[in-house]
Amino acid sequence: MSLDWIDAHRELYLVEPEKGHFWDSTVVGGPGPVPTLLLTTIGRKSGQQRIMPLIYGKVNDGYLIVASKGGAPQHPDWYVNLEANPEVGVQVASHKFKARAETVTGPKRQEYWDLMVPIWPPYTEYQTKTEREIPVVLLRPQA
């Protein structure tokens, strides 16, 4: 499947953040509009900025994202990049800020996973397709 919809969504978000904030996931068979943010990481090999639109959930400590890659056996590039450099940029609608990314483990991971599945139900199927535990990442805004 072509991933042109990712580029189109990123471009819409950058130009019209309020329109890009809720992504119409029906383009990939999803349930309809879901909240998205833009995550900016630094490429671990290239040193270049990489911007990825991602589905998110909000918690008291910050924002949750899931490194599912559709249940692929390997982590998405954005996740490997933030493991190498956890200082990231985040944009939620028109609000931009710096954050520190932290992979959540143990019971907290399960709690946050359970918050994310209702937002994007395919996460459950993705987890059954792969042997890796799909990472849940907390983006903590920095002062």
C-alpha atoms as a PDB file:
ATOM      1  CA  MET A   1       0.000   0.000   0.000  1.00  0.00           C
ATOM      2  CA  SER A   2       1.244   3.463  -0.856  1.00  0.00           C
ATOM      3  CA  LEU A   3       1.973   5.706   2.108  1.00  0.00           C
ATOM      4  CA  ASP A   4       1.237   8.960   0.237  1.00  0.00           C
ATOM      5  CA  TRP A   5      -1.550   9.631   2.745  1.00  0.00           C
ATOM      6  CA  ILE A   6       1.114  10.136   5.439  1.00  0.00           C
ATOM      7  CA  ASP A   7       2.813  12.854   3.384  1.00  0.00           C
ATOM      8  CA  ALA A   8      -0.558  14.457   2.556  1.00  0.00           C
ATOM      9  CA  HIS A   9      -1.584  14.467   6.217  1.00  0.00           C
ATOM     10  CA  ARG A  10       1.758  15.918   7.359  1.00  0.00           C
ATOM     11  CA  GLU A  11       1.537  18.696   4.754  1.00  0.00           C
ATOM     12  CA  LEU A  12      -2.058  19.555   5.697  1.00  0.00           C
ATOM     13  CA  TYR A  13      -1.083  19.624   9.391  1.00  0.00           C
ATOM     14  CA  LEU A  14       1.865  21.937   8.756  1.00  0.00           C
ATOM     15  CA  VAL A  15      -0.213  24.349   6.651  1.00  0.00           C
ATOM     16  CA  GLU A  16      -3.554  24.145   8.503  1.00  0.00           C
ATOM     17  CA  PRO A  17      -2.878  22.700  11.986  1.00  0.00           C
ATOM     18  CA  GLU A  18      -6.488  22.810  13.145  1.00  0.00           C
ATOM     19  CA  LYS A  19      -7.617  20.803  10.098  1.00  0.00           C
ATOM     20  CA  GLY A  20      -4.698  18.387  10.364  1.00  0.00           C
ATOM     21  CA  HIS A  21      -5.210  17.738  14.070  1.00  0.00           C
ATOM     22  CA  PHE A  22      -8.053  15.288  13.467  1.00  0.00           C
ATOM     23  CA  TRP A  23      -7.125  12.804  10.756  1.00  0.00           C
ATOM     24  CA  ASP A  24      -9.840  11.061   8.753  1.00  0.00           C
ATOM     25  CA  SER A  25      -8.588   7.491   9.145  1.00  0.00           C
ATOM     26  CA  THR A  26     -11.166   6.077   6.718  1.00  0.00           C
ATOM     27  CA  VAL A  27      -8.445   6.449   4.049  1.00  0.00           C
ATOM     28  CA  VAL A  28      -6.846   3.319   5.594  1.00  0.00           C
ATOM     29  CA  GLY A  29     -10.049   1.615   6.740  1.00  0.00           C
ATOM     30  CA  GLY A  30     -10.051   3.250  10.182  1.00  0.00           C
ATOM     31  CA  PRO A  31     -13.017   4.321  12.306  1.00  0.00           C
ATOM     32  CA  GLY A  32     -13.069   7.971  11.185  1.00  0.00           C
ATOM     33  CA  PRO A  33     -11.510  11.096  12.705  1.00  0.00           C
ATOM     34  CA  VAL A  34      -8.762  10.429  15.268  1.00  0.00           C
ATOM     35  CA  PRO A  35      -6.555  12.962  17.103  1.00  0.00           C
ATOM     36  CA  THR A  36      -3.040  13.296  15.754  1.00  0.00           C
ATOM     37  CA  LEU A  37       0.082  15.199  16.621  1.00  0.00           C
ATOM     38  CA  LEU A  38       3.274  15.900  14.732  1.00  0.00           C
ATOM     39  CA  LEU A  39       6.399  14.341  16.218  1.00  0.00           C
ATOM     40  CA  THR A  40       9.760  15.777  15.189  1.00  0.00           C
ATOM     41  CA  THR A  41      12.764  13.547  15.765  1.00  0.00           C
ATOM     42  CA  ILE A  42      16.372  13.820  14.625  1.00  0.00           C
ATOM     43  CA  GLY A  43      17.476  11.024  12.295  1.00  0.00           C
ATOM     44  CA  ARG A  44      20.004   8.887  14.142  1.00  0.00           C
ATOM     45  CA  LYS A  45      22.084   8.412  10.972  1.00  0.00           C
ATOM     46  CA  SER A  46      21.275  11.504   8.895  1.00  0.00           C
ATOM     47  CA  GLY A  47      21.050  14.095  11.671  1.00  0.00           C
ATOM     48  CA  GLN A  48      18.082  15.539   9.739  1.00  0.00           C
ATOM     49  CA  GLN A  49      14.723  16.498  11.240  1.00  0.00           C
ATOM     50  CA  ARG A  50      11.989  13.951  10.609  1.00  0.00           C
ATOM     51  CA  ILE A  51       8.324  14.888  11.092  1.00  0.00           C
ATOM     52  CA  MET A  52       5.734  12.154  11.523  1.00  0.00           C
ATOM     53  CA  PRO A  53       1.988  12.496  12.120  1.00  0.00           C
ATOM     54  CA  LEU A  54       0.906  10.070  14.854  1.00  0.00           C
ATOM     55  CA  ILE A  55      -2.285   9.175  16.682  1.00  0.00           C
ATOM     56  CA  TYR A  56      -2.132  10.261  20.320  1.00  0.00           C
ATOM     57  CA  GLY A  57      -3.860  10.120  23.671  1.00  0.00           C
ATOM     58  CA  LYS A  58      -3.647  12.744  26.425  1.00  0.00           C
ATOM     59  CA  VAL A  59      -2.719  11.916  30.032  1.00  0.00           C
ATOM     60  CA  ASN A  60      -1.777  14.132  32.989  1.00  0.00           C
ATOM     61  CA  ASP A  61       1.964  13.754  32.336  1.00  0.00           C
ATOM     62  CA  GLY A  62       1.760  14.500  28.614  1.00  0.00           C
ATOM     63  CA  TYR A  63       0.883  12.707  25.408  1.00  0.00           C
ATOM     64  CA  LEU A  64       0.914   9.006  24.509  1.00  0.00           C
ATOM     65  CA  ILE A  65       1.948   7.572  21.165  1.00  0.00           C
ATOM     66  CA  VAL A  66       2.268   3.947  20.081  1.00  0.00           C
ATOM     67  CA  ALA A  67       5.155   2.563  17.987  1.00  0.00           C
ATOM     68  CA  SER A  68       3.015  -0.010  16.185  1.00  0.00           C
ATOM     69  CA  LYS A  69       4.145   0.206  12.535  1.00  0.00           C
ATOM     70  CA  GLY A  70       1.013  -1.793  11.737  1.00  0.00           C
ATOM     71  CA  GLY A  71       2.365  -4.821  13.588  1.00  0.00           C
ATOM     72  CA  ALA A  72       5.580  -5.064  11.551  1.00  0.00           C
ATOM     73  CA  PRO A  73       8.392  -7.106  13.130  1.00  0.00           C
ATOM     74  CA  GLN A  74      10.634  -4.035  13.503  1.00  0.00           C
ATOM     75  CA  HIS A  75      10.074  -0.721  15.248  1.00  0.00           C
ATOM     76  CA  PRO A  76       9.186   2.333  13.149  1.00  0.00           C
ATOM     77  CA  ASP A  77      12.100   4.614  12.266  1.00  0.00           C
ATOM     78  CA  TRP A  78      10.705   7.477  14.350  1.00  0.00           C
ATOM     79  CA  TYR A  79      10.840   5.251  17.438  1.00  0.00           C
ATOM     80  CA  VAL A  80      14.438   4.175  16.837  1.00  0.00           C
ATOM     81  CA  ASN A  81      15.312   7.853  16.322  1.00  0.00           C
ATOM     82  CA  LEU A  82      13.778   8.939  19.627  1.00  0.00           C
ATOM     83  CA  GLU A  83      15.503   6.061  21.428  1.00  0.00           C
ATOM     84  CA  ALA A  84      18.790   7.519  20.174  1.00  0.00           C
ATOM     85  CA  ASN A  85      17.734  11.093  21.028  1.00  0.00           C
ATOM     86  CA  PRO A  86      14.698  11.394  23.331  1.00  0.00           C
ATOM     87  CA  GLU A  87      14.537  15.199  23.027  1.00  0.00           C
ATOM     88  CA  VAL A  88      11.773  15.751  20.475  1.00  0.00           C
ATOM     89  CA  GLY A  89       9.493  18.421  19.071  1.00  0.00           C
ATOM     90  CA  VAL A  90       5.727  18.039  19.301  1.00  0.00           C
ATOM     91  CA  GLN A  91       2.860  19.892  17.686  1.00  0.00           C
ATOM     92  CA  VAL A  92      -0.727  19.338  18.852  1.00  0.00           C
ATOM     93  CA  ALA A  93      -3.037  21.366  16.594  1.00  0.00           C
ATOM     94  CA  SER A  94      -1.295  24.780  16.566  1.00  0.00           C
ATOM     95  CA  HIS A  95       0.449  24.270  19.943  1.00  0.00           C
ATOM     96  CA  LYS A  96       4.195  23.525  19.515  1.00  0.00           C
ATOM     97  CA  PHE A  97       6.536  22.465  22.309  1.00  0.00           C
ATOM     98  CA  LYS A  98       9.649  20.487  23.192  1.00  0.00           C
ATOM     99  CA  ALA A  99       9.233  17.175  24.970  1.00  0.00           C
ATOM    100  CA  ARG A 100      11.234  14.287  26.331  1.00  0.00           C
ATOM    101  CA  ALA A 101      10.172  10.865  25.059  1.00  0.00           C
ATOM    102  CA  GLU A 102      10.149   7.917  27.421  1.00  0.00           C
ATOM    103  CA  THR A 103       9.135   4.335  26.670  1.00  0.00           C
ATOM    104  CA  VAL A 104       6.671   3.188  29.306  1.00  0.00           C
ATOM    105  CA  THR A 105       7.118  -0.289  30.817  1.00  0.00           C
ATOM    106  CA  GLY A 106       5.436  -2.614  33.285  1.00  0.00           C
ATOM    107  CA  PRO A 107       1.930  -1.993  34.654  1.00  0.00           C
ATOM    108  CA  LYS A 108       1.981   1.646  33.482  1.00  0.00           C
ATOM    109  CA  ARG A 109       2.538   0.470  29.900  1.00  0.00           C
ATOM    110  CA  GLN A 110      -0.539  -1.756  30.137  1.00  0.00           C
ATOM    111  CA  GLU A 111      -2.582   1.083  31.636  1.00  0.00           C
ATOM    112  CA  TYR A 112      -1.563   3.426  28.818  1.00  0.00           C
ATOM    113  CA  TRP A 113      -2.036   0.712  26.168  1.00  0.00           C
ATOM    114  CA  ASP A 114      -5.580   0.260  27.466  1.00  0.00           C
ATOM    115  CA  LEU A 115      -6.148   4.016  27.014  1.00  0.00           C
ATOM    116  CA  MET A 116      -4.858   3.968  23.433  1.00  0.00           C
ATOM    117  CA  VAL A 117      -6.780   0.959  22.087  1.00  0.00           C
ATOM    118  CA  PRO A 118     -10.190   2.708  22.181  1.00  0.00           C
ATOM    119  CA  ILE A 119      -8.663   5.599  20.198  1.00  0.00           C
ATOM    120  CA  TRP A 120      -7.222   3.222  17.574  1.00  0.00           C
ATOM    121  CA  PRO A 121      -8.716  -0.299  17.922  1.00  0.00           C
ATOM    122  CA  PRO A 122      -6.388  -1.847  15.271  1.00  0.00           C
ATOM    123  CA  TYR A 123      -3.542  -1.671  17.842  1.00  0.00           C
ATOM    124  CA  THR A 124      -4.886  -4.932  19.308  1.00  0.00           C
ATOM    125  CA  GLU A 125      -4.604  -6.690  15.955  1.00  0.00           C
ATOM    126  CA  TYR A 126      -1.159  -5.179  15.341  1.00  0.00           C
ATOM    127  CA  GLN A 127       0.113  -6.654  18.619  1.00  0.00           C
ATOM    128  CA  THR A 128      -1.078 -10.142  17.606  1.00  0.00           C
ATOM    129  CA  LYS A 129       0.807  -9.832  14.284  1.00  0.00           C
ATOM    130  CA  THR A 130       4.235  -9.297  15.860  1.00  0.00           C
ATOM    131  CA  GLU A 131       6.394 -10.976  18.476  1.00  0.00           C
ATOM    132  CA  ARG A 132       7.796  -7.659  19.722  1.00  0.00           C
ATOM    133  CA  GLU A 133       6.008  -5.828  22.483  1.00  0.00           C
ATOM    134  CA  ILE A 134       4.756  -2.701  20.758  1.00  0.00           C
ATOM    135  CA  PRO A 135       6.198   0.281  22.635  1.00  0.00           C
ATOM    136  CA  VAL A 136       4.002   2.903  24.257  1.00  0.00           C
ATOM    137  CA  VAL A 137       5.780   6.241  24.514  1.00  0.00           C
ATOM    138  CA  LEU A 138       5.033   9.121  26.867  1.00  0.00           C
ATOM    139  CA  LEU A 139       5.942  12.572  25.541  1.00  0.00           C
ATOM    140  CA  ARG A 140       6.560  14.791  28.564  1.00  0.00           C
ATOM    141  CA  PRO A 141       6.427  18.515  27.743  1.00  0.00           C
ATOM    142  CA  GLN A 142       9.567  20.375  28.849  1.00  0.00           C
ATOM    143  CA  ALA A 143       9.433  23.723  30.626  1.00  0.00           C
END
